[in-house]
Amino acid sequence: MARTSSSTFDFPRLRRQAGILAGASLLLALLLISYTFGVKNHFFARLFSAFFVFFWLLAVTFLGVVPFVNWAARSWFGKEWVSDSFTKTSSRRSSASTSPSSARTPTRTASRSSQKRHP
């Protein structure tokens, strides 16, 4: 079965994102392993395993979970729901920030020095 040219999947973009994640994973792994163990005993084996773990976690999160949540919110609730919830929260925050703040009143009416001290 031949693949059509009208595919909506963008392979160059996916490769670029995977490259960015691989670079960030290598940097995080290098920093973690060199800080924790130094460059002595089994440095490259530890670096490879740490790189693999970081890359796997970042790739699953940013290439799988985040796009799925965006797709689910868009298709299950609709575009109107996403735009309405954003405008409601932004309008609530803006009106709350402009309201005058209430003055704080002391909660304790008597000072501690006037209380009776028990032995």
C-alpha atoms as a PDB file:
ATOM      1  CA  MET A   1       0.000   0.000   0.000  1.00  0.00           C
ATOM      2  CA  ALA A   2       1.606   3.249  -1.142  1.00  0.00           C
ATOM      3  CA  ARG A   3       1.601   6.357   0.971  1.00  0.00           C
ATOM      4  CA  THR A   4      -0.179   9.359  -0.470  1.00  0.00           C
ATOM      5  CA  SER A   5       1.464  12.746  -0.836  1.00  0.00           C
ATOM      6  CA  SER A   6      -1.434  14.454   0.949  1.00  0.00           C
ATOM      7  CA  SER A   7      -0.333  13.142   4.350  1.00  0.00           C
ATOM      8  CA  THR A   8      -0.937  15.597   7.184  1.00  0.00           C
ATOM      9  CA  PHE A   9       1.935  14.241   9.279  1.00  0.00           C
ATOM     10  CA  ASP A  10       4.978  16.540   9.254  1.00  0.00           C
ATOM     11  CA  PHE A  11       8.138  14.395   9.444  1.00  0.00           C
ATOM     12  CA  PRO A  12      10.739  17.225   9.272  1.00  0.00           C
ATOM     13  CA  ARG A  13       9.036  18.984  12.177  1.00  0.00           C
ATOM     14  CA  LEU A  14       9.001  15.740  14.182  1.00  0.00           C
ATOM     15  CA  ARG A  15      12.711  15.166  13.469  1.00  0.00           C
ATOM     16  CA  ARG A  16      13.530  18.726  14.551  1.00  0.00           C
ATOM     17  CA  GLN A  17      11.554  18.308  17.785  1.00  0.00           C
ATOM     18  CA  ALA A  18      13.214  14.947  18.462  1.00  0.00           C
ATOM     19  CA  GLY A  19      16.616  16.534  17.850  1.00  0.00           C
ATOM     20  CA  ILE A  20      15.877  19.327  20.299  1.00  0.00           C
ATOM     21  CA  LEU A  21      14.704  16.792  22.884  1.00  0.00           C
ATOM     22  CA  ALA A  22      17.819  14.676  22.287  1.00  0.00           C
ATOM     23  CA  GLY A  23      20.081  17.694  22.800  1.00  0.00           C
ATOM     24  CA  ALA A  24      18.300  18.719  25.980  1.00  0.00           C
ATOM     25  CA  SER A  25      18.402  15.124  27.229  1.00  0.00           C
ATOM     26  CA  LEU A  26      22.129  14.833  26.533  1.00  0.00           C
ATOM     27  CA  LEU A  27      22.813  18.099  28.333  1.00  0.00           C
ATOM     28  CA  LEU A  28      20.719  17.090  31.357  1.00  0.00           C
ATOM     29  CA  ALA A  29      22.325  13.645  31.489  1.00  0.00           C
ATOM     30  CA  LEU A  30      25.832  15.084  31.169  1.00  0.00           C
ATOM     31  CA  LEU A  31      25.199  17.583  33.953  1.00  0.00           C
ATOM     32  CA  LEU A  32      23.629  15.008  36.238  1.00  0.00           C
ATOM     33  CA  ILE A  33      26.249  12.286  35.772  1.00  0.00           C
ATOM     34  CA  SER A  34      29.242  14.622  35.947  1.00  0.00           C
ATOM     35  CA  TYR A  35      27.892  16.307  39.084  1.00  0.00           C
ATOM     36  CA  THR A  36      26.912  13.076  40.812  1.00  0.00           C
ATOM     37  CA  PHE A  37      29.742  10.702  39.889  1.00  0.00           C
ATOM     38  CA  GLY A  38      32.405  12.765  38.140  1.00  0.00           C
ATOM     39  CA  VAL A  39      34.148  11.442  35.035  1.00  0.00           C
ATOM     40  CA  LYS A  40      35.579   8.291  36.571  1.00  0.00           C
ATOM     41  CA  ASN A  41      33.945   4.848  36.894  1.00  0.00           C
ATOM     42  CA  HIS A  42      31.738   3.860  33.933  1.00  0.00           C
ATOM     43  CA  PHE A  43      31.107   7.431  32.828  1.00  0.00           C
ATOM     44  CA  PHE A  44      29.847   6.633  29.323  1.00  0.00           C
ATOM     45  CA  ALA A  45      27.605   3.760  30.429  1.00  0.00           C
ATOM     46  CA  ARG A  46      25.975   5.980  33.039  1.00  0.00           C
ATOM     47  CA  LEU A  47      25.734   8.837  30.534  1.00  0.00           C
ATOM     48  CA  PHE A  48      23.991   6.610  27.980  1.00  0.00           C
ATOM     49  CA  SER A  49      21.486   5.238  30.486  1.00  0.00           C
ATOM     50  CA  ALA A  50      20.713   8.707  31.886  1.00  0.00           C
ATOM     51  CA  PHE A  51      20.358  10.091  28.341  1.00  0.00           C
ATOM     52  CA  PHE A  52      17.972   7.291  27.431  1.00  0.00           C
ATOM     53  CA  VAL A  53      15.810   7.879  30.510  1.00  0.00           C
ATOM     54  CA  PHE A  54      15.681  11.663  30.030  1.00  0.00           C
ATOM     55  CA  PHE A  55      14.977  11.339  26.308  1.00  0.00           C
ATOM     56  CA  TRP A  56      12.225   8.793  26.881  1.00  0.00           C
ATOM     57  CA  LEU A  57      10.507  10.919  29.545  1.00  0.00           C
ATOM     58  CA  LEU A  58      10.729  14.143  27.537  1.00  0.00           C
ATOM     59  CA  ALA A  59       9.677  12.496  24.271  1.00  0.00           C
ATOM     60  CA  VAL A  60       6.646  10.799  25.781  1.00  0.00           C
ATOM     61  CA  THR A  61       5.612  14.013  27.496  1.00  0.00           C
ATOM     62  CA  PHE A  62       6.132  16.526  24.689  1.00  0.00           C
ATOM     63  CA  LEU A  63       5.482  14.341  21.650  1.00  0.00           C
ATOM     64  CA  GLY A  64       2.694  12.189  23.083  1.00  0.00           C
ATOM     65  CA  VAL A  65       0.876  13.512  26.140  1.00  0.00           C
ATOM     66  CA  VAL A  66       0.747  17.233  25.360  1.00  0.00           C
ATOM     67  CA  PRO A  67      -0.499  16.816  21.754  1.00  0.00           C
ATOM     68  CA  PHE A  68      -3.080  14.258  22.906  1.00  0.00           C
ATOM     69  CA  VAL A  69      -4.442  16.578  25.601  1.00  0.00           C
ATOM     70  CA  ASN A  70      -4.649  19.432  23.083  1.00  0.00           C
ATOM     71  CA  TRP A  71      -6.415  17.200  20.576  1.00  0.00           C
ATOM     72  CA  ALA A  72      -8.805  15.824  23.214  1.00  0.00           C
ATOM     73  CA  ALA A  73      -9.746  19.279  24.485  1.00  0.00           C
ATOM     74  CA  ARG A  74     -10.267  20.550  20.951  1.00  0.00           C
ATOM     75  CA  SER A  75     -12.269  17.588  19.652  1.00  0.00           C
ATOM     76  CA  TRP A  76     -14.238  16.565  22.749  1.00  0.00           C
ATOM     77  CA  PHE A  77     -15.153  20.005  24.037  1.00  0.00           C
ATOM     78  CA  GLY A  78     -14.830  22.080  20.870  1.00  0.00           C
ATOM     79  CA  LYS A  79     -12.891  25.201  19.998  1.00  0.00           C
ATOM     80  CA  GLU A  80     -15.507  27.418  21.622  1.00  0.00           C
ATOM     81  CA  TRP A  81     -14.894  25.787  25.003  1.00  0.00           C
ATOM     82  CA  VAL A  82     -11.166  26.448  24.831  1.00  0.00           C
ATOM     83  CA  SER A  83     -11.578  30.090  23.845  1.00  0.00           C
ATOM     84  CA  ASP A  84     -14.414  30.692  26.369  1.00  0.00           C
ATOM     85  CA  SER A  85     -12.489  29.286  29.300  1.00  0.00           C
ATOM     86  CA  PHE A  86      -9.487  31.453  28.445  1.00  0.00           C
ATOM     87  CA  THR A  87     -11.505  34.657  28.241  1.00  0.00           C
ATOM     88  CA  LYS A  88     -13.377  33.891  31.459  1.00  0.00           C
ATOM     89  CA  THR A  89     -10.200  33.313  33.469  1.00  0.00           C
ATOM     90  CA  SER A  90      -8.456  36.355  32.012  1.00  0.00           C
ATOM     91  CA  SER A  91     -11.462  38.600  32.710  1.00  0.00           C
ATOM     92  CA  ARG A  92     -11.761  37.239  36.248  1.00  0.00           C
ATOM     93  CA  ARG A  93      -8.107  37.922  36.947  1.00  0.00           C
ATOM     94  CA  SER A  94      -8.202  41.421  35.542  1.00  0.00           C
ATOM     95  CA  SER A  95     -11.273  42.391  37.580  1.00  0.00           C
ATOM     96  CA  ALA A  96      -9.854  40.880  40.751  1.00  0.00           C
ATOM     97  CA  SER A  97      -6.586  42.756  40.399  1.00  0.00           C
ATOM     98  CA  THR A  98      -8.350  46.126  40.075  1.00  0.00           C
ATOM     99  CA  SER A  99     -10.561  45.660  43.137  1.00  0.00           C
ATOM    100  CA  PRO A 100      -9.465  47.538  46.251  1.00  0.00           C
ATOM    101  CA  SER A 101      -7.724  45.410  48.816  1.00  0.00           C
ATOM    102  CA  SER A 102      -9.336  45.044  52.201  1.00  0.00           C
ATOM    103  CA  ALA A 103      -7.421  46.277  55.216  1.00  0.00           C
ATOM    104  CA  ARG A 104      -6.186  43.565  57.536  1.00  0.00           C
ATOM    105  CA  THR A 105      -7.500  43.625  61.052  1.00  0.00           C
ATOM    106  CA  PRO A 106      -5.618  42.096  63.959  1.00  0.00           C
ATOM    107  CA  THR A 107      -6.913  38.714  65.027  1.00  0.00           C
ATOM    108  CA  ARG A 108      -5.706  38.956  68.609  1.00  0.00           C
ATOM    109  CA  THR A 109      -7.232  41.633  70.839  1.00  0.00           C
ATOM    110  CA  ALA A 110      -4.898  41.260  73.814  1.00  0.00           C
ATOM    111  CA  SER A 111      -1.124  41.214  73.668  1.00  0.00           C
ATOM    112  CA  ARG A 112       0.820  38.219  74.930  1.00  0.00           C
ATOM    113  CA  SER A 113       2.458  40.163  77.733  1.00  0.00           C
ATOM    114  CA  SER A 114      -0.880  40.787  79.458  1.00  0.00           C
ATOM    115  CA  GLN A 115      -1.775  37.073  79.642  1.00  0.00           C
ATOM    116  CA  LYS A 116      -1.337  35.219  82.902  1.00  0.00           C
ATOM    117  CA  ARG A 117       1.696  32.998  83.056  1.00  0.00           C
ATOM    118  CA  HIS A 118       1.295  29.624  84.641  1.00  0.00           C
ATOM    119  CA  PRO A 119       4.269  27.747  86.135  1.00  0.00           C
END
